[in-house]
N, C-alpha and C. Protein backbone atom coordinates (compact mmCIF):
# COMPACT_ATOMS: atom_id res chain seq x y z
N UNK A 1 0.86 -1.18 0.00
CA UNK A 1 0.00 0.00 0.00
C UNK A 1 0.90 1.23 0.00
N UNK A 2 0.59 2.18 -0.86
CA UNK A 2 1.40 3.39 -0.88
C UNK A 2 0.63 4.56 -0.29
N UNK A 3 1.27 5.71 -0.27
CA UNK A 3 0.67 6.89 0.35
C UNK A 3 -0.60 7.33 -0.35
N UNK A 4 -0.69 7.15 -1.67
CA UNK A 4 -1.90 7.54 -2.39
C UNK A 4 -3.10 6.71 -1.94
N UNK A 5 -2.87 5.43 -1.74
CA UNK A 5 -3.95 4.56 -1.27
C UNK A 5 -4.32 4.93 0.16
N UNK A 6 -3.33 5.27 0.97
CA UNK A 6 -3.59 5.69 2.34
C UNK A 6 -4.50 6.91 2.35
N UNK A 7 -4.19 7.89 1.50
CA UNK A 7 -5.03 9.09 1.41
C UNK A 7 -6.43 8.75 0.95
N UNK A 8 -6.52 7.91 -0.08
CA UNK A 8 -7.82 7.58 -0.65
C UNK A 8 -8.73 6.79 0.28
N UNK A 9 -8.15 6.01 1.16
CA UNK A 9 -8.93 5.15 2.06
C UNK A 9 -8.88 5.62 3.51
N UNK A 10 -8.49 6.85 3.72
CA UNK A 10 -8.26 7.33 5.08
C UNK A 10 -9.47 7.16 5.98
N UNK A 11 -10.66 7.49 5.50
CA UNK A 11 -11.85 7.40 6.37
C UNK A 11 -12.08 5.96 6.84
N UNK A 12 -11.83 5.00 5.96
CA UNK A 12 -12.01 3.60 6.33
C UNK A 12 -10.88 3.12 7.25
N UNK A 13 -9.70 3.69 7.10
CA UNK A 13 -8.54 3.24 7.86
C UNK A 13 -8.41 3.89 9.24
N UNK A 14 -9.11 4.97 9.47
CA UNK A 14 -9.01 5.67 10.76
C UNK A 14 -9.22 4.73 11.95
N UNK A 15 -10.19 3.86 11.82
CA UNK A 15 -10.48 2.92 12.91
C UNK A 15 -9.32 1.98 13.18
N UNK A 16 -8.71 1.48 12.13
CA UNK A 16 -7.58 0.57 12.34
C UNK A 16 -6.37 1.32 12.88
N UNK A 17 -6.24 2.58 12.51
CA UNK A 17 -5.15 3.40 13.07
C UNK A 17 -5.35 3.57 14.56
N UNK A 18 -6.58 3.86 14.98
CA UNK A 18 -6.86 4.04 16.41
C UNK A 18 -6.69 2.74 17.19
N UNK A 19 -6.98 1.61 16.56
CA UNK A 19 -6.76 0.32 17.22
C UNK A 19 -5.27 0.08 17.42
N UNK A 20 -4.49 0.39 16.41
CA UNK A 20 -3.04 0.15 16.46
C UNK A 20 -2.34 1.14 17.38
N UNK A 21 -2.70 2.42 17.28
CA UNK A 21 -2.04 3.48 18.04
C UNK A 21 -3.10 4.23 18.84
N UNK A 22 -3.52 3.64 19.94
CA UNK A 22 -4.60 4.17 20.76
C UNK A 22 -4.34 5.52 21.39
N UNK A 23 -3.09 5.91 21.49
CA UNK A 23 -2.78 7.22 22.09
C UNK A 23 -3.05 8.38 21.13
N UNK A 24 -3.25 8.08 19.86
CA UNK A 24 -3.54 9.13 18.91
C UNK A 24 -4.97 9.62 19.13
N UNK A 25 -5.13 10.93 19.17
CA UNK A 25 -6.44 11.52 19.37
C UNK A 25 -7.15 11.69 18.04
N UNK A 26 -8.44 12.01 18.11
CA UNK A 26 -9.18 12.30 16.89
C UNK A 26 -8.57 13.51 16.18
N UNK A 27 -8.09 14.48 16.96
CA UNK A 27 -7.42 15.64 16.36
C UNK A 27 -6.16 15.22 15.62
N UNK A 28 -5.40 14.30 16.20
CA UNK A 28 -4.20 13.79 15.52
C UNK A 28 -4.56 13.18 14.17
N UNK A 29 -5.64 12.40 14.17
CA UNK A 29 -6.04 11.74 12.94
C UNK A 29 -6.59 12.73 11.92
N UNK A 30 -7.24 13.76 12.40
CA UNK A 30 -7.73 14.80 11.50
C UNK A 30 -6.56 15.53 10.86
N UNK A 31 -5.55 15.85 11.65
CA UNK A 31 -4.36 16.52 11.11
C UNK A 31 -3.66 15.62 10.11
N UNK A 32 -3.54 14.35 10.42
CA UNK A 32 -2.83 13.42 9.54
C UNK A 32 -3.57 13.25 8.21
N UNK A 33 -4.88 13.12 8.26
CA UNK A 33 -5.73 12.98 7.07
C UNK A 33 -5.12 12.16 5.96
N UNK A 34 -4.55 11.03 6.30
CA UNK A 34 -4.01 10.14 5.29
C UNK A 34 -2.64 10.52 4.78
N UNK A 35 -2.05 11.54 5.36
CA UNK A 35 -0.70 11.95 4.95
C UNK A 35 0.32 11.13 5.73
N UNK A 36 1.09 10.37 5.03
CA UNK A 36 2.06 9.47 5.64
C UNK A 36 2.98 10.19 6.61
N UNK A 37 3.58 11.29 6.20
CA UNK A 37 4.53 12.02 7.06
C UNK A 37 3.86 12.55 8.32
N UNK A 38 2.64 13.03 8.18
CA UNK A 38 1.92 13.54 9.35
C UNK A 38 1.61 12.42 10.34
N UNK A 39 1.20 11.28 9.82
CA UNK A 39 0.90 10.13 10.68
C UNK A 39 2.15 9.69 11.42
N UNK A 40 3.25 9.57 10.72
CA UNK A 40 4.52 9.18 11.34
C UNK A 40 4.90 10.18 12.42
N UNK A 41 4.77 11.46 12.12
CA UNK A 41 5.11 12.50 13.09
C UNK A 41 4.26 12.44 14.35
N UNK A 42 2.97 12.19 14.18
CA UNK A 42 2.08 12.09 15.35
C UNK A 42 2.40 10.87 16.19
N UNK A 43 2.71 9.76 15.55
CA UNK A 43 3.10 8.55 16.30
C UNK A 43 4.40 8.81 17.04
N UNK A 44 5.32 9.45 16.38
CA UNK A 44 6.60 9.78 16.99
C UNK A 44 6.39 10.64 18.23
N UNK A 45 5.55 11.65 18.12
CA UNK A 45 5.26 12.54 19.26
C UNK A 45 4.59 11.81 20.42
N UNK A 46 3.49 11.11 20.12
CA UNK A 46 2.68 10.49 21.18
C UNK A 46 3.39 9.34 21.88
N UNK A 47 4.25 8.64 21.15
CA UNK A 47 4.89 7.45 21.72
C UNK A 47 6.36 7.65 22.05
N UNK A 48 6.91 8.83 21.76
CA UNK A 48 8.30 9.11 22.08
C UNK A 48 9.28 8.24 21.31
N UNK A 49 8.92 7.93 20.09
CA UNK A 49 9.76 7.07 19.25
C UNK A 49 10.65 7.90 18.34
N UNK A 50 11.69 7.28 17.84
CA UNK A 50 12.51 7.95 16.84
C UNK A 50 11.72 7.98 15.54
N UNK A 51 12.12 8.85 14.65
CA UNK A 51 11.46 8.94 13.34
C UNK A 51 11.55 7.59 12.62
N UNK A 52 12.72 6.99 12.69
CA UNK A 52 12.92 5.71 12.00
C UNK A 52 12.01 4.61 12.56
N UNK A 53 11.86 4.56 13.88
CA UNK A 53 11.01 3.54 14.50
C UNK A 53 9.54 3.76 14.12
N UNK A 54 9.11 5.01 14.13
CA UNK A 54 7.73 5.32 13.74
C UNK A 54 7.49 5.00 12.27
N UNK A 55 8.46 5.31 11.42
CA UNK A 55 8.37 4.99 9.99
C UNK A 55 8.22 3.48 9.80
N UNK A 56 9.02 2.71 10.54
CA UNK A 56 8.98 1.25 10.41
C UNK A 56 7.63 0.71 10.87
N UNK A 57 7.09 1.24 11.96
CA UNK A 57 5.78 0.79 12.44
C UNK A 57 4.70 1.04 11.41
N UNK A 58 4.71 2.23 10.80
CA UNK A 58 3.71 2.56 9.79
C UNK A 58 3.89 1.66 8.57
N UNK A 59 5.12 1.43 8.16
CA UNK A 59 5.38 0.56 7.01
C UNK A 59 4.88 -0.85 7.29
N UNK A 60 5.15 -1.37 8.48
CA UNK A 60 4.70 -2.71 8.85
C UNK A 60 3.17 -2.78 8.88
N UNK A 61 2.54 -1.74 9.43
CA UNK A 61 1.08 -1.68 9.50
C UNK A 61 0.49 -1.66 8.09
N UNK A 62 1.08 -0.85 7.21
CA UNK A 62 0.57 -0.76 5.85
C UNK A 62 0.70 -2.10 5.12
N UNK A 63 1.80 -2.81 5.36
CA UNK A 63 1.97 -4.14 4.75
C UNK A 63 0.90 -5.11 5.26
N UNK A 64 0.55 -4.99 6.53
CA UNK A 64 -0.45 -5.90 7.11
C UNK A 64 -1.84 -5.68 6.53
N UNK A 65 -2.07 -4.53 5.93
CA UNK A 65 -3.38 -4.22 5.37
C UNK A 65 -3.61 -4.86 4.01
N UNK A 66 -2.56 -5.32 3.40
CA UNK A 66 -2.68 -5.90 2.04
C UNK A 66 -3.48 -7.15 2.03
């Protein structure tokens, strides 16, 4: 799954994002709005992860959606 698909399916994916990263608020998800970089940044902030670790988590999550 690439970033374009993430943007296109964002409304359907919001629920799975909240299941995976429960610390993200509705405001976080609104700001992210399917933007890969924004989602990674919010995960990094809320969970205190490095950029690389957050990127890897999102990549793994996106692979699991296939």
